[in-house]
């Protein structure tokens, strides 16, 4: 079980790093990879709570982050 958690954390860090490095290039899906990285590191519920606190409620609802994270 510990190997799985370590693997998820490493995978999450790789997704976030990939998303930040390629954010300003025309590579599609960088924002989704950043969100996916957060999900791998801290989990779905904590990621939803984090984005809800960081973004305003209107922005959170308009971006439909909750439905994106539920599909992951």
C-alpha atoms as a PDB file:
ATOM      1  CA  UNK A   1       0.000   0.000   0.000  1.00  0.00           C
ATOM      2  CA  UNK A   2       2.859   2.387   0.712  1.00  0.00           C
ATOM      3  CA  UNK A   3       4.298   1.759  -2.763  1.00  0.00           C
ATOM      4  CA  UNK A   4       0.983   2.777  -4.290  1.00  0.00           C
ATOM      5  CA  UNK A   5       0.902   6.058  -2.359  1.00  0.00           C
ATOM      6  CA  UNK A   6       4.501   6.822  -3.276  1.00  0.00           C
ATOM      7  CA  UNK A   7       3.767   6.045  -6.917  1.00  0.00           C
ATOM      8  CA  UNK A   8       0.722   8.341  -6.879  1.00  0.00           C
ATOM      9  CA  UNK A   9       2.710  11.195  -5.331  1.00  0.00           C
ATOM     10  CA  UNK A  10       5.503  10.847  -7.891  1.00  0.00           C
ATOM     11  CA  UNK A  11       2.980  10.658 -10.715  1.00  0.00           C
ATOM     12  CA  UNK A  12       1.168  13.727  -9.364  1.00  0.00           C
ATOM     13  CA  UNK A  13       4.404  15.713  -9.175  1.00  0.00           C
ATOM     14  CA  UNK A  14       5.236  14.711 -12.753  1.00  0.00           C
ATOM     15  CA  UNK A  15       1.797  15.826 -13.975  1.00  0.00           C
ATOM     16  CA  UNK A  16       2.076  19.190 -12.209  1.00  0.00           C
ATOM     17  CA  UNK A  17       5.627  19.732 -13.488  1.00  0.00           C
ATOM     18  CA  UNK A  18       4.589  18.817 -17.034  1.00  0.00           C
ATOM     19  CA  UNK A  19       1.623  21.187 -16.846  1.00  0.00           C
ATOM     20  CA  UNK A  20       3.689  24.110 -15.551  1.00  0.00           C
ATOM     21  CA  UNK A  21       6.543  23.639 -18.038  1.00  0.00           C
ATOM     22  CA  UNK A  22       4.294  23.328 -21.073  1.00  0.00           C
ATOM     23  CA  UNK A  23       1.616  25.827 -19.949  1.00  0.00           C
ATOM     24  CA  UNK A  24       2.831  28.601 -22.254  1.00  0.00           C
ATOM     25  CA  UNK A  25       3.310  26.357 -25.289  1.00  0.00           C
ATOM     26  CA  UNK A  26       0.612  25.239 -27.697  1.00  0.00           C
ATOM     27  CA  UNK A  27       0.500  21.769 -26.100  1.00  0.00           C
ATOM     28  CA  UNK A  28      -3.158  21.023 -25.257  1.00  0.00           C
ATOM     29  CA  UNK A  29      -4.261  19.668 -21.909  1.00  0.00           C
ATOM     30  CA  UNK A  30      -1.729  21.333 -19.635  1.00  0.00           C
ATOM     31  CA  UNK A  31      -4.343  22.723 -17.257  1.00  0.00           C
ATOM     32  CA  UNK A  32      -6.009  19.340 -16.966  1.00  0.00           C
ATOM     33  CA  UNK A  33      -2.656  17.735 -16.210  1.00  0.00           C
ATOM     34  CA  UNK A  34      -2.117  20.202 -13.355  1.00  0.00           C
ATOM     35  CA  UNK A  35      -5.539  19.374 -11.901  1.00  0.00           C
ATOM     36  CA  UNK A  36      -4.866  15.655 -12.371  1.00  0.00           C
ATOM     37  CA  UNK A  37      -1.564  16.059 -10.535  1.00  0.00           C
ATOM     38  CA  UNK A  38      -3.326  17.643  -7.563  1.00  0.00           C
ATOM     39  CA  UNK A  39      -5.849  14.788  -7.538  1.00  0.00           C
ATOM     40  CA  UNK A  40      -3.059  12.209  -7.473  1.00  0.00           C
ATOM     41  CA  UNK A  41      -1.229  13.979  -4.657  1.00  0.00           C
ATOM     42  CA  UNK A  42      -3.992  15.065  -2.273  1.00  0.00           C
ATOM     43  CA  UNK A  43      -7.138  13.237  -3.419  1.00  0.00           C
ATOM     44  CA  UNK A  44     -10.424  14.266  -5.001  1.00  0.00           C
ATOM     45  CA  UNK A  45     -12.191  15.741  -1.974  1.00  0.00           C
ATOM     46  CA  UNK A  46      -9.247  17.846  -0.838  1.00  0.00           C
ATOM     47  CA  UNK A  47      -8.618  19.028  -4.408  1.00  0.00           C
ATOM     48  CA  UNK A  48     -12.242  20.144  -4.744  1.00  0.00           C
ATOM     49  CA  UNK A  49     -12.032  21.944  -1.410  1.00  0.00           C
ATOM     50  CA  UNK A  50      -8.705  23.567  -2.389  1.00  0.00           C
ATOM     51  CA  UNK A  51     -10.004  24.921  -5.714  1.00  0.00           C
ATOM     52  CA  UNK A  52     -13.258  26.045  -4.091  1.00  0.00           C
ATOM     53  CA  UNK A  53     -11.290  28.060  -1.513  1.00  0.00           C
ATOM     54  CA  UNK A  54      -8.767  29.492  -3.989  1.00  0.00           C
ATOM     55  CA  UNK A  55     -11.253  30.429  -6.699  1.00  0.00           C
ATOM     56  CA  UNK A  56     -14.413  32.401  -6.105  1.00  0.00           C
ATOM     57  CA  UNK A  57     -17.633  30.388  -6.093  1.00  0.00           C
ATOM     58  CA  UNK A  58     -18.777  31.869  -9.415  1.00  0.00           C
ATOM     59  CA  UNK A  59     -15.506  30.994 -11.132  1.00  0.00           C
ATOM     60  CA  UNK A  60     -15.510  27.528  -9.564  1.00  0.00           C
ATOM     61  CA  UNK A  61     -19.010  26.848 -10.915  1.00  0.00           C
ATOM     62  CA  UNK A  62     -18.384  28.418 -14.337  1.00  0.00           C
ATOM     63  CA  UNK A  63     -15.233  26.360 -14.936  1.00  0.00           C
ATOM     64  CA  UNK A  64     -17.117  23.187 -13.939  1.00  0.00           C
ATOM     65  CA  UNK A  65     -14.104  21.906 -12.020  1.00  0.00           C
ATOM     66  CA  UNK A  66     -16.291  19.685  -9.866  1.00  0.00           C
ATOM     67  CA  UNK A  67     -17.567  17.744 -12.874  1.00  0.00           C
ATOM     68  CA  UNK A  68     -14.055  17.487 -14.319  1.00  0.00           C
ATOM     69  CA  UNK A  69     -12.621  16.049 -11.120  1.00  0.00           C
ATOM     70  CA  UNK A  70     -15.522  13.608 -10.725  1.00  0.00           C
ATOM     71  CA  UNK A  71     -14.836  12.246 -14.225  1.00  0.00           C
ATOM     72  CA  UNK A  72     -11.189  11.604 -13.357  1.00  0.00           C
END
